[in-house]
Amino acid sequence: MVWMADTIGRTLGIEPVVMGVTILAAGTSVPDALSSVFVARGGKGDMAVSSSVGSNLFDYFSWTSFAMVYIYSDV
């Protein structure tokens, strides 16, 4: 998945960091979203919402933090 995102990004002229923040973060959120749907169908909507919100916030902030460190570092 990482290799394919990198290849597509380079083909389209998109920085690898941007691809990581968008495509790879979405790839980690999709399984969480699916599990939330199954839990909600089981009648536990509050658990589905809290799981979805918490997981997506963690993914967003962790990838954004990584991207900011990468962008502003001297690597």
C-alpha atoms as a PDB file:
ATOM      1  CA  MET A   1       0.000   0.000   0.000  1.00  0.00           C
ATOM      2  CA  VAL A   2       2.810   2.408   0.854  1.00  0.00           C
ATOM      3  CA  TRP A   3       4.684   1.622  -2.363  1.00  0.00           C
ATOM      4  CA  MET A   4       1.554   2.107  -4.483  1.00  0.00           C
ATOM      5  CA  ALA A   5       0.672   5.406  -2.780  1.00  0.00           C
ATOM      6  CA  ASP A   6       4.233   6.617  -3.337  1.00  0.00           C
ATOM      7  CA  THR A   7       4.177   5.583  -7.001  1.00  0.00           C
ATOM      8  CA  ILE A   8       0.818   7.251  -7.662  1.00  0.00           C
ATOM      9  CA  GLY A   9       1.927  10.389  -5.836  1.00  0.00           C
ATOM     10  CA  ARG A  10       5.146  10.658  -7.816  1.00  0.00           C
ATOM     11  CA  THR A  11       3.243  10.119 -11.068  1.00  0.00           C
ATOM     12  CA  LEU A  12       0.806  12.903 -10.201  1.00  0.00           C
ATOM     13  CA  GLY A  13       3.515  15.170  -8.783  1.00  0.00           C
ATOM     14  CA  ILE A  14       2.285  14.945  -5.190  1.00  0.00           C
ATOM     15  CA  GLU A  15       4.780  14.953  -2.317  1.00  0.00           C
ATOM     16  CA  PRO A  16       5.128  11.620  -0.459  1.00  0.00           C
ATOM     17  CA  VAL A  17       4.295  13.332   2.837  1.00  0.00           C
ATOM     18  CA  VAL A  18       0.977  14.565   1.461  1.00  0.00           C
ATOM     19  CA  MET A  19       0.185  11.088   0.157  1.00  0.00           C
ATOM     20  CA  GLY A  20       0.959   9.682   3.599  1.00  0.00           C
ATOM     21  CA  VAL A  21      -1.327  12.117   5.346  1.00  0.00           C
ATOM     22  CA  THR A  22      -4.231  11.476   2.981  1.00  0.00           C
ATOM     23  CA  ILE A  23      -4.175   8.049   1.345  1.00  0.00           C
ATOM     24  CA  LEU A  24      -2.438   6.056   4.057  1.00  0.00           C
ATOM     25  CA  ALA A  25      -4.409   7.708   6.851  1.00  0.00           C
ATOM     26  CA  ALA A  26      -7.619   6.853   5.013  1.00  0.00           C
ATOM     27  CA  GLY A  27      -6.392   3.282   4.643  1.00  0.00           C
ATOM     28  CA  THR A  28      -6.035   2.961   8.386  1.00  0.00           C
ATOM     29  CA  SER A  29      -9.441   4.536   9.038  1.00  0.00           C
ATOM     30  CA  VAL A  30     -11.506   2.316   6.743  1.00  0.00           C
ATOM     31  CA  PRO A  31     -11.263  -0.826   8.936  1.00  0.00           C
ATOM     32  CA  ASP A  32     -12.252   1.245  11.968  1.00  0.00           C
ATOM     33  CA  ALA A  33     -15.237   2.639  10.091  1.00  0.00           C
ATOM     34  CA  LEU A  34     -16.366  -0.835   9.069  1.00  0.00           C
ATOM     35  CA  SER A  35     -16.114  -2.132  12.615  1.00  0.00           C
ATOM     36  CA  SER A  36     -18.176   0.848  13.791  1.00  0.00           C
ATOM     37  CA  VAL A  37     -20.877  -0.012  11.258  1.00  0.00           C
ATOM     38  CA  PHE A  38     -21.061  -3.594  12.527  1.00  0.00           C
ATOM     39  CA  VAL A  39     -21.213  -2.449  16.153  1.00  0.00           C
ATOM     40  CA  ALA A  40     -23.947   0.079  15.318  1.00  0.00           C
ATOM     41  CA  ARG A  41     -25.981  -2.623  13.586  1.00  0.00           C
ATOM     42  CA  GLY A  42     -25.680  -4.614  16.787  1.00  0.00           C
ATOM     43  CA  GLY A  43     -27.545  -1.844  18.625  1.00  0.00           C
ATOM     44  CA  LYS A  44     -24.586  -0.124  20.280  1.00  0.00           C
ATOM     45  CA  GLY A  45     -24.570   3.199  18.448  1.00  0.00           C
ATOM     46  CA  ASP A  46     -22.834   5.139  21.209  1.00  0.00           C
ATOM     47  CA  MET A  47     -19.936   2.682  21.189  1.00  0.00           C
ATOM     48  CA  ALA A  48     -19.684   2.931  17.399  1.00  0.00           C
ATOM     49  CA  VAL A  49     -19.541   6.727  17.469  1.00  0.00           C
ATOM     50  CA  SER A  50     -16.952   6.901  20.238  1.00  0.00           C
ATOM     51  CA  SER A  51     -14.761   4.303  18.535  1.00  0.00           C
ATOM     52  CA  SER A  52     -14.984   6.040  15.193  1.00  0.00           C
ATOM     53  CA  VAL A  53     -14.318   9.535  16.509  1.00  0.00           C
ATOM     54  CA  GLY A  54     -11.455   8.470  18.759  1.00  0.00           C
ATOM     55  CA  SER A  55      -9.737   6.389  16.126  1.00  0.00           C
ATOM     56  CA  ASN A  56     -10.035   8.998  13.396  1.00  0.00           C
ATOM     57  CA  LEU A  57      -8.793  11.790  15.646  1.00  0.00           C
ATOM     58  CA  PHE A  58      -5.791   9.675  16.631  1.00  0.00           C
ATOM     59  CA  ASP A  59      -5.035   8.884  12.969  1.00  0.00           C
ATOM     60  CA  TYR A  60      -5.393  12.497  11.918  1.00  0.00           C
ATOM     61  CA  PHE A  61      -3.231  13.965  14.671  1.00  0.00           C
ATOM     62  CA  SER A  62      -0.543  11.297  14.473  1.00  0.00           C
ATOM     63  CA  TRP A  63      -0.143  11.641  10.690  1.00  0.00           C
ATOM     64  CA  THR A  64      -0.337  15.419  10.807  1.00  0.00           C
ATOM     65  CA  SER A  65       2.283  15.553  13.552  1.00  0.00           C
ATOM     66  CA  PHE A  66       4.554  13.244  11.580  1.00  0.00           C
ATOM     67  CA  ALA A  67       4.136  15.346   8.442  1.00  0.00           C
ATOM     68  CA  MET A  68       4.895  18.597  10.287  1.00  0.00           C
ATOM     69  CA  VAL A  69       8.036  17.151  11.837  1.00  0.00           C
ATOM     70  CA  TYR A  70       9.120  15.844   8.446  1.00  0.00           C
ATOM     71  CA  ILE A  71       8.398  19.093   6.612  1.00  0.00           C
ATOM     72  CA  TYR A  72      10.129  21.366   9.131  1.00  0.00           C
ATOM     73  CA  SER A  73      13.118  19.138   9.917  1.00  0.00           C
ATOM     74  CA  ASP A  74      16.467  19.262   8.148  1.00  0.00           C
ATOM     75  CA  VAL A  75      16.209  15.702   6.837  1.00  0.00           C
END
